[in-house]
Amino acid sequence: MDQTLPALRLAPPRAEIAALAARQHRAGGALIALLNKLGGGIEAQMALLPQGLQRQIERLVTGALQQGHAAASLGRRAPRLGHRAGPALAALSGAAGGAGGLATSLAELPFTVTLILHAIRRAAEDEGFDPDAPEIRAQCLQVFSAGSPLEADDGVNTAFLGARLTVTGPALQKLIASVAPRLAAALGQKLAAQAVPVLGAISGAALNAAYLSYYRELAQIRFALLRLAQTHGAEPVLTAFAEAAKPRPILRA
């Protein structure tokens, strides 16, 4: 009697997974590292943001996330301009937003969110996923659940590797409702950082570019892990990534 044998899965490539873990530790770059060192000043500025302004930021972000996939999907038909094009566009957007103070910075936020979402969708596409498939649309949105690059405990939450997503319209709206407050807080931190006197030389352009690069990096790591999980199984990939991401003890002679 014929029997169908289960497909054998090879062990996940530890070198690639270790490289992804190293990228997570470096996510954000030099500017984000500087901002983290100046965290106290940013927190003080955040405390000065009126509650009404924070709610306005959240409304803008929620609307941008609701419309973002439709707008960002148009970019699939645009020619690829290289790895630096996204941060460059984000920088231009940030410069335009910062030119007129708070009012123009707020008006610019939805465009920045769409740019970042477009970069996240590109990362999914680069790993062989269809960013317009409902479950991948959800995965793209969940990249924002990492919150702000100015939070020290940020990183790739690997719980998604074993998850089975059933994405309906209401489920997607619920996901947006859960993600929007974190992204709004992250963008609020960006506005607060721009108001710290010692950061006067750092424009909204540089901050926008840094934020886009941060979320794109997390997306590239996320979708690479998802690809590996589909090939090698979620549990082995999760175990290997958790091991590679552990801080190494400093050995002293």
Protein backbone atom coordinates (compact mmCIF):
# COMPACT_ATOMS: atom_id res chain seq x y z
CA MET A 1 0.00 0.00 0.00
CA ASP A 2 1.34 3.40 -0.94
CA GLN A 3 2.12 5.68 1.93
CA THR A 4 2.89 9.37 1.70
CA LEU A 5 5.93 10.18 3.81
CA PRO A 6 6.05 13.55 5.57
CA ALA A 7 8.34 16.06 3.91
CA LEU A 8 11.76 16.22 5.57
CA ARG A 9 12.83 19.67 6.64
CA LEU A 10 16.45 20.64 6.84
CA ALA A 11 17.80 22.49 9.86
CA PRO A 12 17.46 26.26 9.49
CA PRO A 13 20.56 28.12 8.25
CA ARG A 14 22.09 29.38 11.49
CA ALA A 15 24.50 31.76 9.77
CA GLU A 16 21.65 33.61 8.05
CA ILE A 17 19.59 33.68 11.25
CA ALA A 18 22.57 35.00 13.22
CA ALA A 19 23.01 37.75 10.63
CA LEU A 20 19.32 38.69 11.02
CA ALA A 21 19.71 38.83 14.81
CA ALA A 22 22.75 41.09 14.41
CA ARG A 23 20.76 43.37 12.12
CA GLN A 24 18.05 43.65 14.77
CA HIS A 25 20.61 44.86 17.31
CA ARG A 26 21.83 47.50 14.85
CA ALA A 27 18.39 48.63 13.65
CA GLY A 28 18.01 52.39 13.62
CA GLY A 29 21.59 53.43 12.96
CA ALA A 30 23.70 56.21 14.41
CA LEU A 31 20.99 58.87 14.59
CA ILE A 32 18.64 56.65 16.60
CA ALA A 33 21.54 55.77 18.90
CA LEU A 34 22.12 59.49 19.49
CA LEU A 35 18.44 60.09 20.18
CA ASN A 36 18.38 57.25 22.70
CA LYS A 37 21.29 58.87 24.56
CA LEU A 38 19.24 62.06 24.72
CA GLY A 39 16.11 60.24 25.84
CA GLY A 40 15.53 62.39 28.92
CA GLY A 41 15.17 65.54 26.85
CA ILE A 42 12.79 63.83 24.46
CA GLU A 43 10.65 62.51 27.33
CA ALA A 44 10.45 66.03 28.73
CA GLN A 45 9.24 67.34 25.37
CA MET A 46 6.71 64.49 25.10
CA ALA A 47 5.25 65.54 28.43
CA LEU A 48 4.62 68.99 26.95
CA LEU A 49 2.54 67.65 24.07
CA PRO A 50 -1.13 68.41 24.82
CA GLN A 51 -3.48 65.44 25.05
CA GLY A 52 -5.53 66.91 22.23
CA LEU A 53 -2.46 66.95 19.98
CA GLN A 54 -1.66 63.34 20.82
CA ARG A 55 -5.22 62.34 19.94
CA GLN A 56 -4.95 64.28 16.67
CA ILE A 57 -1.75 62.40 15.80
CA GLU A 58 -3.49 59.08 16.50
CA ARG A 59 -6.45 60.03 14.27
CA LEU A 60 -4.09 60.98 11.44
CA VAL A 61 -2.13 57.76 11.82
CA THR A 62 -5.27 55.60 11.94
CA GLY A 63 -6.58 57.19 8.74
CA ALA A 64 -3.21 56.76 7.04
CA LEU A 65 -3.06 53.07 7.98
CA GLN A 66 -6.61 52.50 6.75
CA GLN A 67 -5.82 54.04 3.36
CA GLY A 68 -2.13 53.22 3.27
CA HIS A 69 -2.21 49.81 1.59
CA ALA A 70 -4.31 51.15 -1.28
CA ALA A 71 -1.99 54.10 -1.77
CA ALA A 72 1.22 52.11 -1.25
CA SER A 73 0.10 49.37 -3.67
CA LEU A 74 0.25 51.92 -6.49
CA GLY A 75 3.98 51.97 -5.90
CA ARG A 76 4.26 48.36 -7.09
CA ARG A 77 3.91 49.63 -10.63
CA ALA A 78 6.57 52.29 -10.16
CA PRO A 79 10.18 51.54 -11.12
CA ARG A 80 12.53 50.69 -8.30
CA LEU A 81 14.89 53.56 -7.62
CA GLY A 82 17.28 51.78 -5.28
CA HIS A 83 17.71 51.27 -1.55
CA ARG A 84 18.30 54.95 -0.82
CA ALA A 85 15.19 56.25 -2.57
CA GLY A 86 12.82 55.57 0.35
CA PRO A 87 14.85 57.45 2.98
CA ALA A 88 15.47 60.25 0.48
CA LEU A 89 11.73 60.69 -0.13
CA ALA A 90 11.07 60.50 3.61
CA ALA A 91 13.71 63.17 4.15
CA LEU A 92 12.08 65.45 1.57
CA SER A 93 8.73 64.89 3.25
CA GLY A 94 10.20 65.66 6.66
CA ALA A 95 11.89 68.80 5.38
CA ALA A 96 8.63 70.03 3.86
CA GLY A 97 6.73 69.19 7.02
CA GLY A 98 9.20 70.87 9.31
CA ALA A 99 9.37 74.04 7.24
CA GLY A 100 6.08 75.36 8.56
CA GLY A 101 6.29 74.20 12.16
CA LEU A 102 3.79 71.97 13.92
CA ALA A 103 0.89 72.53 11.50
CA THR A 104 2.80 71.36 8.43
CA SER A 105 4.48 68.57 10.41
CA LEU A 106 1.04 67.18 11.25
CA ALA A 107 -0.15 67.55 7.66
CA GLU A 108 2.90 65.62 6.48
CA LEU A 109 2.40 62.64 8.84
CA PRO A 110 -0.02 60.63 6.63
CA PHE A 111 2.37 60.87 3.68
CA THR A 112 5.25 59.67 5.86
CA VAL A 113 3.18 56.73 7.14
CA THR A 114 2.37 55.75 3.55
CA LEU A 115 6.06 55.96 2.57
CA ILE A 116 7.05 53.72 5.47
CA LEU A 117 4.27 51.24 4.66
CA HIS A 118 5.43 51.17 1.04
CA ALA A 119 8.96 50.31 2.21
CA ILE A 120 7.56 47.54 4.42
CA ARG A 121 5.57 46.11 1.51
CA ARG A 122 8.72 46.13 -0.64
CA ALA A 123 10.48 44.12 2.06
CA ALA A 124 7.69 41.52 1.93
CA GLU A 125 7.85 41.39 -1.85
CA ASP A 126 11.63 40.93 -1.78
CA GLU A 127 11.15 37.77 0.28
CA GLY A 128 8.64 36.33 -2.18
CA PHE A 129 5.38 37.38 -0.51
CA ASP A 130 2.44 39.16 -2.12
CA PRO A 131 1.89 42.38 -0.13
CA ASP A 132 -1.70 42.57 -1.36
CA ALA A 133 -2.59 39.13 0.09
CA PRO A 134 -4.73 39.70 3.20
CA GLU A 135 -2.44 37.82 5.59
CA ILE A 136 0.64 39.68 4.30
CA ARG A 137 -1.17 43.01 4.55
CA ALA A 138 -1.71 42.14 8.21
CA GLN A 139 1.94 41.17 8.64
CA CYS A 140 2.97 44.52 7.13
CA LEU A 141 0.80 46.38 9.62
CA GLN A 142 2.21 44.37 12.50
CA VAL A 143 5.70 45.66 11.76
CA PHE A 144 4.47 48.89 13.37
CA SER A 145 3.75 47.00 16.60
CA ALA A 146 7.46 47.37 17.39
CA GLY A 147 6.57 50.94 18.32
CA SER A 148 9.23 53.63 18.35
CA PRO A 149 12.92 53.22 17.55
CA LEU A 150 13.47 55.37 20.65
CA GLU A 151 12.35 52.52 22.94
CA ALA A 152 15.23 50.41 24.19
CA ASP A 153 13.30 47.12 24.25
CA ASP A 154 12.15 47.26 20.65
CA GLY A 155 12.81 44.46 18.22
CA VAL A 156 11.19 41.80 16.13
CA ASN A 157 8.44 40.01 18.04
CA THR A 158 8.82 36.44 16.75
CA ALA A 159 5.38 35.30 17.94
CA PHE A 160 4.11 35.77 14.39
CA LEU A 161 6.20 32.83 13.13
CA GLY A 162 3.81 30.22 14.50
CA ALA A 163 0.64 32.27 14.12
CA ARG A 164 -2.14 31.39 11.71
CA LEU A 165 -3.77 34.57 10.52
CA THR A 166 -7.39 34.66 9.45
CA VAL A 167 -7.80 38.14 8.05
CA THR A 168 -11.23 39.59 7.40
CA GLY A 169 -12.25 43.21 7.01
CA PRO A 170 -13.26 43.58 10.68
CA ALA A 171 -10.10 41.77 11.82
CA LEU A 172 -7.95 44.15 9.80
CA GLN A 173 -9.70 47.15 11.33
CA LYS A 174 -9.15 45.68 14.79
CA LEU A 175 -5.47 45.23 13.97
CA ILE A 176 -5.20 48.85 12.81
CA ALA A 177 -6.88 49.97 16.03
CA SER A 178 -4.27 48.09 18.06
CA VAL A 179 -1.27 49.25 15.99
CA ALA A 180 -2.21 52.91 15.51
CA PRO A 181 -1.64 54.05 19.12
CA ARG A 182 1.91 52.67 19.15
CA LEU A 183 2.79 54.21 15.82
CA ALA A 184 1.17 57.50 16.87
CA ALA A 185 3.28 57.49 20.04
CA ALA A 186 6.39 56.78 17.95
CA LEU A 187 5.67 59.69 15.62
CA GLY A 188 4.85 61.87 18.62
CA GLN A 189 8.33 61.05 19.93
CA LYS A 190 9.73 62.17 16.58
CA LEU A 191 7.96 65.53 16.86
CA ALA A 192 9.19 65.86 20.44
CA ALA A 193 12.75 65.03 19.41
CA GLN A 194 12.64 67.81 16.83
CA ALA A 195 11.82 70.25 19.64
CA VAL A 196 14.80 69.31 21.88
CA PRO A 197 17.17 72.32 21.74
CA VAL A 198 20.35 70.23 21.55
CA LEU A 199 18.95 68.54 18.44
CA GLY A 200 18.42 71.81 16.61
CA ALA A 201 20.92 70.80 13.95
CA ILE A 202 19.03 67.58 13.23
CA SER A 203 16.14 68.36 10.93
CA GLY A 204 12.84 66.62 10.45
CA ALA A 205 14.33 65.36 7.20
CA ALA A 206 17.00 63.32 8.99
CA LEU A 207 14.51 62.01 11.55
CA ASN A 208 12.06 60.93 8.86
CA ALA A 209 14.78 59.09 6.97
CA ALA A 210 15.93 57.37 10.17
CA TYR A 211 12.39 56.24 11.05
CA LEU A 212 11.77 54.83 7.58
CA SER A 213 15.10 52.98 7.64
CA TYR A 214 14.28 51.56 11.08
CA TYR A 215 10.86 50.15 10.16
CA ARG A 216 12.15 48.88 6.81
CA GLU A 217 14.96 47.04 8.59
CA LEU A 218 12.52 45.39 10.99
CA ALA A 219 10.32 44.43 8.03
CA GLN A 220 13.22 42.88 6.15
CA ILE A 221 14.13 40.81 9.20
CA ARG A 222 10.50 39.83 9.81
CA PHE A 223 9.80 38.62 6.29
CA ALA A 224 13.15 36.83 6.02
CA LEU A 225 12.26 34.92 9.19
CA LEU A 226 8.79 34.19 7.83
CA ARG A 227 10.33 32.79 4.64
CA LEU A 228 12.70 30.61 6.65
CA ALA A 229 9.83 29.42 8.88
CA GLN A 230 7.83 28.30 5.85
CA THR A 231 10.82 26.29 4.63
CA HIS A 232 12.25 24.93 7.87
CA GLY A 233 9.34 25.12 10.31
CA ALA A 234 8.42 27.86 12.77
CA GLU A 235 9.77 26.25 15.94
CA PRO A 236 13.35 25.57 14.74
CA VAL A 237 13.62 29.08 13.27
CA LEU A 238 12.17 30.65 16.42
CA THR A 239 14.62 28.71 18.62
CA ALA A 240 17.61 29.58 16.45
CA PHE A 241 16.70 33.28 16.29
CA ALA A 242 16.11 33.50 20.05
CA GLU A 243 19.50 31.92 20.68
CA ALA A 244 21.27 34.20 18.19
CA ALA A 245 19.58 37.32 19.60
CA LYS A 246 20.69 36.66 23.19
CA PRO A 247 23.23 39.18 24.51
CA ARG A 248 26.63 37.54 24.73
CA PRO A 249 28.43 37.74 28.09
CA ILE A 250 31.59 39.81 28.13
CA LEU A 251 34.53 37.53 28.85
CA ARG A 252 37.33 38.97 30.91
CA ALA A 253 40.82 37.61 31.03
